[in-house]
Amino acid sequence: MNERTIAKRYARALLLLAIQKDNLEGCQNGLRALSDALEQHPRLSEILVSPVLGTAERRATLDAVLDHIEMNDDVRRFAELLVERRRADLVGHIARTFDRFVDDRQGLARATVTSAVAMDQASLSHIRQLLTQRTGCTVILTNEVDASILGGAVLRVGNRELDASARSKLRQMIDTIV
């Protein structure tokens, strides 16, 4: 089974628990905090899944980490389960998947529009309004600047991408000519 599928299963299990206990925000915040800590210290993830260390040593390491992170008991037990099953290296994937599940549940869609220069608020509001009509969700839109696209924009909503950049148009023209 690939990491994405495994992460999805763990995220769904935590989501169901969070819904059952009416603690969606607390679980989301705790999981994010754990993910951030492991991203800042990549060696920790390696230790927490190490086949050389026994469960007790890995658990002691996790406890030392969790003592410095604010989280609820459900996320703490979830982290212990991940360490026990040597899946702590998937915390980042699980956290991102969990966030997507929470967004879906709350009717949110995250979108990014990449442009060569920063877009004005009127343009961003117009794009947000169009996306809201198309998706039926409340859209959280961010604008990223990437001068290498030359002009136009690249729009990403979830795993979909619409590339209307000058760079992609030039590539298409070159491919046609060559």
C-alpha atoms as a PDB file:
ATOM      1  CA  MET A   1       0.000   0.000   0.000  1.00  0.00           C
ATOM      2  CA  ASN A   2       1.406   3.423  -0.853  1.00  0.00           C
ATOM      3  CA  GLU A   3       1.990   6.226   1.650  1.00  0.00           C
ATOM      4  CA  ARG A   4      -0.847   8.340   0.313  1.00  0.00           C
ATOM      5  CA  THR A   5      -3.394   5.576   0.874  1.00  0.00           C
ATOM      6  CA  ILE A   6      -2.042   4.834   4.334  1.00  0.00           C
ATOM      7  CA  ALA A   7      -2.075   8.525   5.285  1.00  0.00           C
ATOM      8  CA  LYS A   8      -5.652   8.815   4.052  1.00  0.00           C
ATOM      9  CA  ARG A   9      -6.778   5.911   6.245  1.00  0.00           C
ATOM     10  CA  TYR A  10      -5.132   7.315   9.362  1.00  0.00           C
ATOM     11  CA  ALA A  11      -6.478  10.815   8.661  1.00  0.00           C
ATOM     12  CA  ARG A  12      -9.991   9.464   8.156  1.00  0.00           C
ATOM     13  CA  ALA A  13      -9.811   7.485  11.408  1.00  0.00           C
ATOM     14  CA  LEU A  14      -8.711  10.577  13.358  1.00  0.00           C
ATOM     15  CA  LEU A  15     -11.386  12.657  11.632  1.00  0.00           C
ATOM     16  CA  LEU A  16     -14.110  10.217  12.693  1.00  0.00           C
ATOM     17  CA  LEU A  17     -12.812  10.269  16.262  1.00  0.00           C
ATOM     18  CA  ALA A  18     -12.664  14.084  16.261  1.00  0.00           C
ATOM     19  CA  ILE A  19     -16.222  14.311  14.936  1.00  0.00           C
ATOM     20  CA  GLN A  20     -17.444  11.790  17.495  1.00  0.00           C
ATOM     21  CA  LYS A  21     -15.822  13.724  20.341  1.00  0.00           C
ATOM     22  CA  ASP A  22     -16.779  17.109  18.837  1.00  0.00           C
ATOM     23  CA  ASN A  23     -13.134  18.172  18.862  1.00  0.00           C
ATOM     24  CA  LEU A  24     -12.294  18.793  15.223  1.00  0.00           C
ATOM     25  CA  GLU A  25     -10.353  21.994  15.845  1.00  0.00           C
ATOM     26  CA  GLY A  26      -8.391  20.563  18.780  1.00  0.00           C
ATOM     27  CA  CYS A  27      -7.352  17.494  16.790  1.00  0.00           C
ATOM     28  CA  GLN A  28      -6.447  19.600  13.773  1.00  0.00           C
ATOM     29  CA  ASN A  29      -4.310  21.976  15.845  1.00  0.00           C
ATOM     30  CA  GLY A  30      -2.573  19.143  17.705  1.00  0.00           C
ATOM     31  CA  LEU A  31      -1.825  17.232  14.522  1.00  0.00           C
ATOM     32  CA  ARG A  32      -0.473  20.379  12.858  1.00  0.00           C
ATOM     33  CA  ALA A  33       1.750  21.089  15.874  1.00  0.00           C
ATOM     34  CA  LEU A  34       3.136  17.542  15.768  1.00  0.00           C
ATOM     35  CA  SER A  35       3.672  17.760  12.015  1.00  0.00           C
ATOM     36  CA  ASP A  36       5.471  21.101  12.363  1.00  0.00           C
ATOM     37  CA  ALA A  37       7.728  19.730  15.105  1.00  0.00           C
ATOM     38  CA  LEU A  38       8.694  16.707  13.017  1.00  0.00           C
ATOM     39  CA  GLU A  39       9.291  18.872   9.936  1.00  0.00           C
ATOM     40  CA  GLN A  40      11.587  21.160  11.917  1.00  0.00           C
ATOM     41  CA  HIS A  41      13.523  18.160  13.225  1.00  0.00           C
ATOM     42  CA  PRO A  42      13.566  15.499  10.465  1.00  0.00           C
ATOM     43  CA  ARG A  43      15.892  13.268  12.458  1.00  0.00           C
ATOM     44  CA  LEU A  44      13.066  12.741  14.967  1.00  0.00           C
ATOM     45  CA  SER A  45      10.893  11.026  12.349  1.00  0.00           C
ATOM     46  CA  GLU A  46      13.761   8.669  11.555  1.00  0.00           C
ATOM     47  CA  ILE A  47      14.190   7.821  15.234  1.00  0.00           C
ATOM     48  CA  LEU A  48      10.442   7.287  15.726  1.00  0.00           C
ATOM     49  CA  VAL A  49      10.313   4.664  12.951  1.00  0.00           C
ATOM     50  CA  SER A  50      13.741   3.131  13.538  1.00  0.00           C
ATOM     51  CA  PRO A  51      13.776  -0.685  13.445  1.00  0.00           C
ATOM     52  CA  VAL A  52      16.903  -0.582  15.628  1.00  0.00           C
ATOM     53  CA  LEU A  53      15.027   0.906  18.588  1.00  0.00           C
ATOM     54  CA  GLY A  54      12.387  -0.957  20.508  1.00  0.00           C
ATOM     55  CA  THR A  55       8.897   0.333  21.132  1.00  0.00           C
ATOM     56  CA  ALA A  56       9.822   1.567  24.622  1.00  0.00           C
ATOM     57  CA  GLU A  57      12.712   3.703  23.343  1.00  0.00           C
ATOM     58  CA  ARG A  58      10.666   5.124  20.484  1.00  0.00           C
ATOM     59  CA  ARG A  59       7.780   5.833  22.862  1.00  0.00           C
ATOM     60  CA  ALA A  60      10.118   7.597  25.316  1.00  0.00           C
ATOM     61  CA  THR A  61      11.402   9.770  22.464  1.00  0.00           C
ATOM     62  CA  LEU A  62       7.847  10.598  21.442  1.00  0.00           C
ATOM     63  CA  ASP A  63       6.900  11.473  25.028  1.00  0.00           C
ATOM     64  CA  ALA A  64       9.856  13.859  25.211  1.00  0.00           C
ATOM     65  CA  VAL A  65       8.662  15.550  22.021  1.00  0.00           C
ATOM     66  CA  LEU A  66       5.002  15.667  23.067  1.00  0.00           C
ATOM     67  CA  ASP A  67       5.891  17.288  26.397  1.00  0.00           C
ATOM     68  CA  HIS A  68       6.820  20.396  24.393  1.00  0.00           C
ATOM     69  CA  ILE A  69       3.725  20.426  22.176  1.00  0.00           C
ATOM     70  CA  GLU A  70       0.248  21.474  23.198  1.00  0.00           C
ATOM     71  CA  MET A  71      -2.270  18.844  22.113  1.00  0.00           C
ATOM     72  CA  ASN A  72      -5.266  16.942  23.374  1.00  0.00           C
ATOM     73  CA  ASP A  73      -5.239  13.351  24.589  1.00  0.00           C
ATOM     74  CA  ASP A  74      -6.776  12.002  21.375  1.00  0.00           C
ATOM     75  CA  VAL A  75      -3.922  13.317  19.231  1.00  0.00           C
ATOM     76  CA  ARG A  76      -1.400  12.134  21.819  1.00  0.00           C
ATOM     77  CA  ARG A  77      -2.808   8.589  21.660  1.00  0.00           C
ATOM     78  CA  PHE A  78      -2.930   8.852  17.869  1.00  0.00           C
ATOM     79  CA  ALA A  79       0.770   9.818  17.809  1.00  0.00           C
ATOM     80  CA  GLU A  80       1.574   6.897  20.116  1.00  0.00           C
ATOM     81  CA  LEU A  81      -0.253   4.561  17.735  1.00  0.00           C
ATOM     82  CA  LEU A  82       1.744   5.913  14.782  1.00  0.00           C
ATOM     83  CA  VAL A  83       5.006   5.339  16.661  1.00  0.00           C
ATOM     84  CA  GLU A  84       3.943   1.849  17.713  1.00  0.00           C
ATOM     85  CA  ARG A  85       3.186   0.982  14.079  1.00  0.00           C
ATOM     86  CA  ARG A  86       6.298   2.781  12.778  1.00  0.00           C
ATOM     87  CA  ARG A  87       4.226   5.291  10.798  1.00  0.00           C
ATOM     88  CA  ALA A  88       5.446   8.518  12.426  1.00  0.00           C
ATOM     89  CA  ASP A  89       7.201   9.433   9.192  1.00  0.00           C
ATOM     90  CA  LEU A  90       3.739   9.905   7.657  1.00  0.00           C
ATOM     91  CA  VAL A  91       2.599  12.599  10.099  1.00  0.00           C
ATOM     92  CA  GLY A  92       3.028  15.384   7.528  1.00  0.00           C
ATOM     93  CA  HIS A  93       0.997  13.483   4.911  1.00  0.00           C
ATOM     94  CA  ILE A  94      -1.645  12.618   7.496  1.00  0.00           C
ATOM     95  CA  ALA A  95      -1.902  16.245   8.685  1.00  0.00           C
ATOM     96  CA  ARG A  96      -2.342  17.598   5.138  1.00  0.00           C
ATOM     97  CA  THR A  97      -4.949  14.927   4.361  1.00  0.00           C
ATOM     98  CA  PHE A  98      -6.740  15.636   7.642  1.00  0.00           C
ATOM     99  CA  ASP A  99      -6.822  19.353   6.765  1.00  0.00           C
ATOM    100  CA  ARG A 100      -8.391  18.538   3.373  1.00  0.00           C
ATOM    101  CA  PHE A 101     -11.019  16.346   5.047  1.00  0.00           C
ATOM    102  CA  VAL A 102     -11.850  19.134   7.511  1.00  0.00           C
ATOM    103  CA  ASP A 103     -12.080  21.664   4.669  1.00  0.00           C
ATOM    104  CA  ASP A 104     -14.439  19.360   2.750  1.00  0.00           C
ATOM    105  CA  ARG A 105     -16.579  18.870   5.834  1.00  0.00           C
ATOM    106  CA  GLN A 106     -16.783  22.630   6.381  1.00  0.00           C
ATOM    107  CA  GLY A 107     -17.511  23.383   2.718  1.00  0.00           C
ATOM    108  CA  LEU A 108     -14.178  25.086   2.072  1.00  0.00           C
ATOM    109  CA  ALA A 109     -12.028  24.939  -1.049  1.00  0.00           C
ATOM    110  CA  ARG A 110      -8.458  26.221  -1.059  1.00  0.00           C
ATOM    111  CA  ALA A 111      -7.199  27.757  -4.261  1.00  0.00           C
ATOM    112  CA  THR A 112      -3.978  29.385  -5.380  1.00  0.00           C
ATOM    113  CA  VAL A 113      -3.591  31.760  -8.280  1.00  0.00           C
ATOM    114  CA  THR A 114      -0.005  32.226  -9.404  1.00  0.00           C
ATOM    115  CA  SER A 115       0.765  35.321 -11.431  1.00  0.00           C
ATOM    116  CA  ALA A 116       3.865  37.128 -12.660  1.00  0.00           C
ATOM    117  CA  VAL A 117       3.039  40.126 -10.444  1.00  0.00           C
ATOM    118  CA  ALA A 118       0.894  40.488  -7.335  1.00  0.00           C
ATOM    119  CA  MET A 119      -2.799  40.720  -8.176  1.00  0.00           C
ATOM    120  CA  ASP A 120      -5.003  43.499  -6.845  1.00  0.00           C
ATOM    121  CA  GLN A 121      -7.812  42.731  -4.399  1.00  0.00           C
ATOM    122  CA  ALA A 122     -10.541  43.411  -6.969  1.00  0.00           C
ATOM    123  CA  SER A 123      -9.148  40.745  -9.316  1.00  0.00           C
ATOM    124  CA  LEU A 124      -8.718  38.271  -6.464  1.00  0.00           C
ATOM    125  CA  SER A 125     -12.280  38.930  -5.266  1.00  0.00           C
ATOM    126  CA  HIS A 126     -13.613  38.369  -8.782  1.00  0.00           C
ATOM    127  CA  ILE A 127     -11.716  35.058  -9.104  1.00  0.00           C
ATOM    128  CA  ARG A 128     -12.900  33.997  -5.630  1.00  0.00           C
ATOM    129  CA  GLN A 129     -16.508  34.784  -6.566  1.00  0.00           C
ATOM    130  CA  LEU A 130     -16.285  32.779  -9.809  1.00  0.00           C
ATOM    131  CA  LEU A 131     -14.694  29.827  -8.020  1.00  0.00           C
ATOM    132  CA  THR A 132     -17.341  29.940  -5.306  1.00  0.00           C
ATOM    133  CA  GLN A 133     -20.056  29.740  -7.967  1.00  0.00           C
ATOM    134  CA  ARG A 134     -18.309  26.851  -9.760  1.00  0.00           C
ATOM    135  CA  THR A 135     -17.407  24.785  -6.701  1.00  0.00           C
ATOM    136  CA  GLY A 136     -20.350  25.573  -4.466  1.00  0.00           C
ATOM    137  CA  CYS A 137     -17.832  26.001  -1.634  1.00  0.00           C
ATOM    138  CA  THR A 138     -16.448  28.948   0.243  1.00  0.00           C
ATOM    139  CA  VAL A 139     -13.105  29.587  -1.442  1.00  0.00           C
ATOM    140  CA  ILE A 140      -9.952  30.545   0.410  1.00  0.00           C
ATOM    141  CA  LEU A 141      -7.806  32.124  -2.288  1.00  0.00           C
ATOM    142  CA  THR A 142      -4.115  32.934  -2.086  1.00  0.00           C
ATOM    143  CA  ASN A 143      -1.995  34.747  -4.628  1.00  0.00           C
ATOM    144  CA  GLU A 144       1.564  33.597  -5.280  1.00  0.00           C
ATOM    145  CA  VAL A 145       3.990  35.546  -7.410  1.00  0.00           C
ATOM    146  CA  ASP A 146       6.269  33.749  -9.866  1.00  0.00           C
ATOM    147  CA  ALA A 147       7.880  36.014 -12.445  1.00  0.00           C
ATOM    148  CA  SER A 148       8.947  32.991 -14.497  1.00  0.00           C
ATOM    149  CA  ILE A 149       5.395  32.510 -15.818  1.00  0.00           C
ATOM    150  CA  LEU A 150       5.892  35.802 -17.693  1.00  0.00           C
ATOM    151  CA  GLY A 151       2.201  36.767 -17.745  1.00  0.00           C
ATOM    152  CA  GLY A 152      -1.271  35.340 -17.355  1.00  0.00           C
ATOM    153  CA  ALA A 153      -1.969  33.062 -14.400  1.00  0.00           C
ATOM    154  CA  VAL A 154      -1.965  29.504 -13.156  1.00  0.00           C
ATOM    155  CA  LEU A 155      -4.973  28.548 -11.039  1.00  0.00           C
ATOM    156  CA  ARG A 156      -4.927  25.553  -8.692  1.00  0.00           C
ATOM    157  CA  VAL A 157      -7.993  24.303  -6.842  1.00  0.00           C
ATOM    158  CA  GLY A 158      -7.362  21.086  -4.969  1.00  0.00           C
ATOM    159  CA  ASN A 159      -5.624  18.735  -7.385  1.00  0.00           C
ATOM    160  CA  ARG A 160      -6.846  20.570 -10.490  1.00  0.00           C
ATOM    161  CA  GLU A 161      -4.767  23.089 -12.380  1.00  0.00           C
ATOM    162  CA  LEU A 162      -5.612  25.545 -15.126  1.00  0.00           C
ATOM    163  CA  ASP A 163      -2.475  26.960 -16.735  1.00  0.00           C
ATOM    164  CA  ALA A 164      -3.198  30.144 -18.688  1.00  0.00           C
ATOM    165  CA  SER A 165       0.310  31.519 -18.305  1.00  0.00           C
ATOM    166  CA  ALA A 166       2.316  33.101 -21.100  1.00  0.00           C
ATOM    167  CA  ARG A 167       5.087  30.590 -20.370  1.00  0.00           C
ATOM    168  CA  SER A 168       2.829  27.611 -21.155  1.00  0.00           C
ATOM    169  CA  LYS A 169       1.485  29.295 -24.296  1.00  0.00           C
ATOM    170  CA  LEU A 170       5.056  29.904 -25.508  1.00  0.00           C
ATOM    171  CA  ARG A 171       5.948  26.277 -24.815  1.00  0.00           C
ATOM    172  CA  GLN A 172       2.940  25.129 -26.830  1.00  0.00           C
ATOM    173  CA  MET A 173       3.997  27.351 -29.726  1.00  0.00           C
ATOM    174  CA  ILE A 174       7.572  26.038 -29.602  1.00  0.00           C
ATOM    175  CA  ASP A 175       6.349  22.444 -29.498  1.00  0.00           C
ATOM    176  CA  THR A 176       4.177  23.132 -32.546  1.00  0.00           C
ATOM    177  CA  ILE A 177       7.039  24.689 -34.481  1.00  0.00           C
ATOM    178  CA  VAL A 178       9.671  22.137 -33.542  1.00  0.00           C
END
